[in-house]
Each structure stands twice: as structure tokens, then as C-alpha cells.
Amino acid sequence: MELKRKVGYEAANLIKDGDVVGLGTGSTTHYFIEKLGNRIEIEEISIMGVPTSYQSFYLAMNSKIPITTLDEHNVDIAVDGADEVDPELNLIKGGGAAHTLEKIVDESAKQFIVIVDGSKIVTELGSFPVPVEVIPHATRTVKDHLIAMGGLPTLRMAERKDGPVVTDNGNFIYDVKFDIKNPKKLETELNTIPGVVENGIFSQIVDQVIVGRDSGIEILKK
């Protein structure tokens, strides 16, 4: 928990007065948003946030961060977490079922920074399953496609309600185990399946990764 706080605060200190900021989703970005609100209050900097989920929206509101949208402003810098980061700075994201809007916001930003603790750094993507957001009517047919591609799909089930997890977009999530040799190729192939909205592979869009380790902060760049 302390490492997540450190990287969240480190990223928040990179935000400049006047920035439009993409606000990621998850336990690590919680600290980023919290610190950003603190800077607005103490330093009186002027920024606006573009949330990537209802979670980040309400966190931003509680932190008194003014909210805007991609329709109104371009994003200067997006900060988000990740479930896995490989040596080429490709990611798996979507443990929080928010990867579709996260990818839209993160990809649109002039600069995209990822904040993680050291446990998320891997030699090859794939230990964490790839989240695939699916239109509910396509659940069976998408599953057939995923299996044909060599994946092992599991429909993500909710913990405090009956039935599957429902995303902010009203869709379902398959968590799919793959042997990932080419992240960019798999990302593209998954998105060609009819009924797939978006998947959790983020390839070749990261500018910098801030890694929290017991020994201190490590910066990874392309």
C-alpha cells in the first residue's frame, strides 16, 4: 500500500498548472487523484480532470478536481495503473473492468504515464488474464472465437451481486488466459471479433512507467 501511495504522489507532482489530466482507475491511481486534489487546495493550481470510470469520477469530485470531457478538451497527460508491464512497456489493464474508457483517454493524451509497484513488472505478458469487454448478446459467439484463438476465457462474475460483472458501459468481461508472444498483434486480433468492444492489452502507447520499489522510485522509459 505504501509503494502505491509513493508512486501516486510522485506522478501527481508532475502535473503542471493548466494541465488537462486523464484520471485513471484503480487502487494506485486513487492516491494520485487524492494528491492532485491536495495540490489544488494548497498550491491553488488550475487543472481539469477527465475520468476513466465512475470510480475516478467520484474520487475526483470528492477531491474537488474540476471535471471535463474529451469532447471539450484535449488531454495533456494521463496517469493510470496497470496489472502487468513488460520490458517494452506493453501493458495488461482491466482488472477493474474500466479498460475501454481508460484506453480511449490514455491513448489520446500527449503523454501517458503508468504508475505501479514492482510486483507488476514482468518479463512477458500473460500471467494476468487479458480482460475482454463484450456486448452481452455476443457472449457465446465471442467465447467461441476466443477459444479458437487459443484462449481460455472465463466470464467475470460479480462478488456482491448475482450474475456477471457489468461494466460502466453496460457490457460483460471475459478474462482470457493467452500465451502472449506478440502483444500488438493479439490486441488487434481481439478487437476484430464481432461483439468485442475493447481488450486490456495496451501496446506501444506508454511514455513512462513510475515503479515503486522498497529501494525507492524507478523510472522506465521507451
Protein backbone atom coordinates (compact mmCIF):
# COMPACT_ATOMS: atom_id res chain seq x y z
CA MET A 1 0.00 0.00 0.00
CA GLU A 2 2.83 2.41 0.84
CA LEU A 3 4.50 1.81 -2.54
CA LYS A 4 1.24 2.63 -4.32
CA ARG A 5 1.00 5.86 -2.35
CA LYS A 6 4.58 6.81 -3.24
CA VAL A 7 4.15 6.37 -7.00
CA GLY A 8 0.74 8.05 -6.94
CA TYR A 9 2.16 11.09 -5.18
CA GLU A 10 5.23 11.09 -7.44
CA ALA A 11 3.02 11.27 -10.54
CA ALA A 12 0.79 13.96 -9.03
CA ASN A 13 3.83 16.19 -8.56
CA LEU A 14 4.47 16.04 -12.33
CA ILE A 15 1.19 17.79 -13.12
CA LYS A 16 1.59 21.44 -14.11
CA ASP A 17 -0.70 24.40 -13.68
CA GLY A 18 -3.18 24.47 -16.57
CA ASP A 19 -2.95 20.75 -17.43
CA VAL A 20 -5.93 18.66 -18.51
CA VAL A 21 -5.33 15.31 -16.82
CA GLY A 22 -6.60 11.84 -17.64
CA LEU A 23 -7.61 10.26 -14.33
CA GLY A 24 -7.02 6.52 -14.31
CA THR A 25 -8.91 3.89 -12.35
CA GLY A 26 -7.77 1.59 -9.53
CA SER A 27 -6.16 1.42 -6.12
CA THR A 28 -2.88 3.07 -7.19
CA THR A 29 -4.47 5.95 -9.09
CA HIS A 30 -6.64 6.57 -6.02
CA TYR A 31 -3.56 8.05 -4.36
CA PHE A 32 -2.72 10.05 -7.49
CA ILE A 33 -6.16 11.66 -7.54
CA GLU A 34 -6.05 12.25 -3.79
CA LYS A 35 -2.69 14.06 -4.04
CA LEU A 36 -3.85 16.05 -7.06
CA GLY A 37 -6.80 17.37 -5.07
CA ASN A 38 -4.42 18.25 -2.25
CA ARG A 39 -2.21 20.25 -4.64
CA ILE A 40 -5.22 22.14 -5.98
CA GLU A 41 -6.20 23.13 -2.44
CA ILE A 42 -2.73 24.04 -1.12
CA GLU A 43 -0.92 25.34 -4.23
CA GLU A 44 -4.05 26.72 -5.93
CA ILE A 45 -3.06 25.24 -9.28
CA SER A 46 -5.71 25.20 -12.00
CA ILE A 47 -6.27 21.84 -13.68
CA MET A 48 -9.14 19.78 -15.06
CA GLY A 49 -9.62 16.02 -14.95
CA VAL A 50 -11.02 13.57 -17.49
CA PRO A 51 -12.22 10.49 -15.52
CA THR A 52 -11.93 6.98 -16.97
CA SER A 53 -14.67 5.42 -14.82
CA TYR A 54 -17.39 6.22 -12.33
CA GLN A 55 -14.85 5.39 -9.63
CA SER A 56 -12.38 8.04 -10.77
CA PHE A 57 -15.25 10.47 -11.41
CA TYR A 58 -16.46 10.30 -7.81
CA LEU A 59 -12.92 10.36 -6.41
CA ALA A 60 -12.24 13.50 -8.44
CA MET A 61 -15.46 15.12 -7.27
CA ASN A 62 -14.62 14.33 -3.63
CA SER A 63 -11.12 15.77 -4.18
CA LYS A 64 -12.63 18.95 -5.70
CA ILE A 65 -10.96 18.38 -9.08
CA PRO A 66 -12.92 20.14 -11.85
CA ILE A 67 -14.25 17.62 -14.38
CA THR A 68 -14.24 17.89 -18.16
CA THR A 69 -14.60 15.52 -21.13
CA LEU A 70 -12.73 14.57 -24.31
CA ASP A 71 -15.41 16.41 -26.27
CA GLU A 72 -14.41 19.65 -24.54
CA HIS A 73 -10.63 19.38 -24.11
CA ASN A 74 -7.55 17.50 -25.26
CA VAL A 75 -5.67 15.60 -22.55
CA ASP A 76 -2.17 16.86 -21.76
CA ILE A 77 -1.15 13.98 -19.51
CA ALA A 78 -2.90 10.75 -18.47
CA VAL A 79 -1.88 8.79 -15.38
CA ASP A 80 -3.08 5.24 -14.88
CA GLY A 81 -2.16 1.96 -13.22
CA ALA A 82 -1.56 -1.46 -14.79
CA ASP A 83 -1.87 -5.14 -13.93
CA GLU A 84 1.28 -6.10 -15.87
CA VAL A 85 4.10 -4.18 -17.58
CA ASP A 86 6.59 -5.92 -19.88
CA PRO A 87 10.12 -4.75 -20.89
CA GLU A 88 8.72 -2.98 -23.99
CA LEU A 89 6.24 -1.10 -21.75
CA ASN A 90 3.27 -3.01 -23.13
CA LEU A 91 0.51 -3.41 -20.54
CA ILE A 92 -2.32 -5.59 -19.44
CA LYS A 93 -5.05 -3.49 -17.82
CA GLY A 94 -8.66 -4.04 -16.92
CA GLY A 95 -8.65 -5.68 -13.50
CA GLY A 96 -11.14 -3.00 -12.55
CA ALA A 97 -13.24 -3.54 -15.72
CA ALA A 98 -12.62 0.05 -16.89
CA HIS A 99 -10.09 -0.59 -19.67
CA THR A 100 -12.24 0.62 -22.58
CA LEU A 101 -12.52 4.24 -21.48
CA GLU A 102 -9.03 4.05 -19.96
CA LYS A 103 -7.60 3.16 -23.38
CA ILE A 104 -9.55 5.94 -25.11
CA VAL A 105 -8.31 8.57 -22.65
CA ASP A 106 -4.76 7.23 -22.24
CA GLU A 107 -4.17 6.87 -25.98
CA SER A 108 -5.45 10.37 -26.67
CA ALA A 109 -3.11 12.03 -24.17
CA LYS A 110 0.01 13.91 -25.25
CA GLN A 111 1.84 11.99 -22.50
CA PHE A 112 0.79 8.71 -20.85
CA ILE A 113 2.37 7.78 -17.52
CA VAL A 114 1.81 4.45 -15.76
CA ILE A 115 2.21 4.04 -12.00
CA VAL A 116 2.79 0.60 -10.47
CA ASP A 117 4.57 -1.19 -7.65
CA GLY A 118 7.42 -3.54 -8.55
CA SER A 119 5.24 -6.66 -8.47
CA LYS A 120 3.56 -5.56 -11.74
CA ILE A 121 6.83 -5.66 -13.76
CA VAL A 122 7.06 -8.92 -15.74
CA THR A 123 9.35 -10.40 -18.40
CA GLU A 124 6.39 -11.37 -20.59
CA LEU A 125 2.68 -10.52 -20.50
CA GLY A 126 0.20 -13.28 -19.80
CA SER A 127 0.29 -14.36 -16.16
CA PHE A 128 -2.60 -11.94 -15.65
CA PRO A 129 -5.54 -12.80 -17.93
CA VAL A 130 -6.48 -10.38 -20.70
CA PRO A 131 -9.80 -8.65 -19.95
CA VAL A 132 -12.09 -8.53 -22.99
CA GLU A 133 -15.20 -6.37 -22.85
CA VAL A 134 -18.09 -7.99 -24.69
CA ILE A 135 -21.58 -6.90 -25.72
CA PRO A 136 -23.94 -9.21 -23.73
CA HIS A 137 -25.74 -10.54 -26.84
CA ALA A 138 -22.38 -11.74 -28.23
CA THR A 139 -21.24 -13.65 -25.14
CA ARG A 140 -21.42 -17.14 -26.65
CA THR A 141 -20.07 -16.31 -30.09
CA VAL A 142 -17.17 -14.28 -28.70
CA LYS A 143 -16.29 -17.15 -26.38
CA ASP A 144 -16.11 -19.49 -29.38
CA HIS A 145 -13.75 -17.08 -31.16
CA LEU A 146 -11.53 -16.73 -28.09
CA ILE A 147 -11.20 -20.49 -27.72
CA ALA A 148 -10.39 -20.84 -31.43
CA MET A 149 -7.59 -18.30 -30.91
CA GLY A 150 -6.08 -20.47 -28.18
CA GLY A 151 -7.51 -18.53 -25.26
CA LEU A 152 -9.09 -19.84 -22.08
CA PRO A 153 -11.99 -17.45 -21.37
CA THR A 154 -13.77 -17.11 -18.05
CA LEU A 155 -16.78 -14.82 -17.66
CA ARG A 156 -16.02 -12.46 -14.78
CA MET A 157 -18.65 -12.85 -12.06
CA ALA A 158 -19.68 -10.17 -9.62
CA GLU A 159 -18.88 -10.53 -5.92
CA ARG A 160 -21.73 -8.60 -4.35
CA LYS A 161 -24.47 -9.24 -6.87
CA ASP A 162 -25.76 -12.28 -8.70
CA GLY A 163 -24.50 -12.79 -12.23
CA PRO A 164 -21.61 -11.35 -14.21
CA VAL A 165 -19.74 -8.09 -13.67
CA VAL A 166 -21.36 -5.28 -15.67
CA THR A 167 -19.00 -2.55 -16.90
CA ASP A 168 -19.71 1.18 -16.84
CA ASN A 169 -20.70 0.72 -20.50
CA GLY A 170 -23.28 -1.99 -19.69
CA ASN A 171 -21.22 -4.89 -21.02
CA PHE A 172 -19.65 -8.13 -19.71
CA ILE A 173 -16.00 -9.08 -19.23
CA TYR A 174 -14.18 -12.24 -20.26
CA ASP A 175 -10.86 -12.82 -18.52
CA VAL A 176 -8.81 -14.76 -21.05
CA LYS A 177 -5.56 -16.64 -20.49
CA PHE A 178 -3.26 -16.42 -23.50
CA ASP A 179 0.30 -17.34 -24.33
CA ILE A 180 1.26 -13.83 -25.47
CA LYS A 181 4.23 -13.66 -27.85
CA ASN A 182 3.17 -10.56 -29.80
CA PRO A 183 1.05 -8.15 -27.69
CA LYS A 184 0.33 -5.72 -30.53
CA LYS A 185 -0.86 -8.48 -32.87
CA LEU A 186 -3.09 -10.06 -30.22
CA GLU A 187 -4.54 -6.67 -29.27
CA THR A 188 -5.52 -6.06 -32.89
CA GLU A 189 -6.88 -9.57 -33.48
CA LEU A 190 -9.08 -9.48 -30.37
CA ASN A 191 -10.68 -6.22 -31.47
CA THR A 192 -11.67 -7.70 -34.86
CA ILE A 193 -14.01 -10.23 -33.19
CA PRO A 194 -17.63 -9.13 -33.72
CA GLY A 195 -19.11 -8.26 -30.34
CA VAL A 196 -15.82 -7.30 -28.68
CA VAL A 197 -15.82 -3.68 -27.51
CA GLU A 198 -12.19 -3.46 -26.37
CA ASN A 199 -9.49 -5.57 -24.74
CA GLY A 200 -6.99 -4.92 -21.97
CA ILE A 201 -3.73 -5.08 -23.93
CA PHE A 202 -2.21 -1.60 -24.20
CA SER A 203 0.66 -1.83 -26.67
CA GLN A 204 3.10 0.90 -27.69
CA ILE A 205 1.33 3.88 -26.12
CA VAL A 206 3.18 4.29 -22.80
CA ASP A 207 5.71 7.13 -22.46
CA GLN A 208 6.93 6.44 -18.92
CA VAL A 209 6.41 3.98 -16.08
CA ILE A 210 6.94 5.03 -12.46
CA VAL A 211 7.76 1.92 -10.42
CA GLY A 212 7.63 1.84 -6.64
CA ARG A 213 10.16 -0.48 -5.04
CA ASP A 214 11.36 -0.91 -1.46
CA SER A 215 14.67 0.63 -2.57
CA GLY A 216 12.93 3.72 -3.99
CA ILE A 217 11.36 5.02 -7.19
CA GLU A 218 12.46 3.64 -10.58
CA ILE A 219 11.61 5.35 -13.88
CA LEU A 220 11.21 3.25 -17.04
CA LYS A 221 11.05 4.91 -20.46
CA LYS A 222 10.88 3.76 -24.06
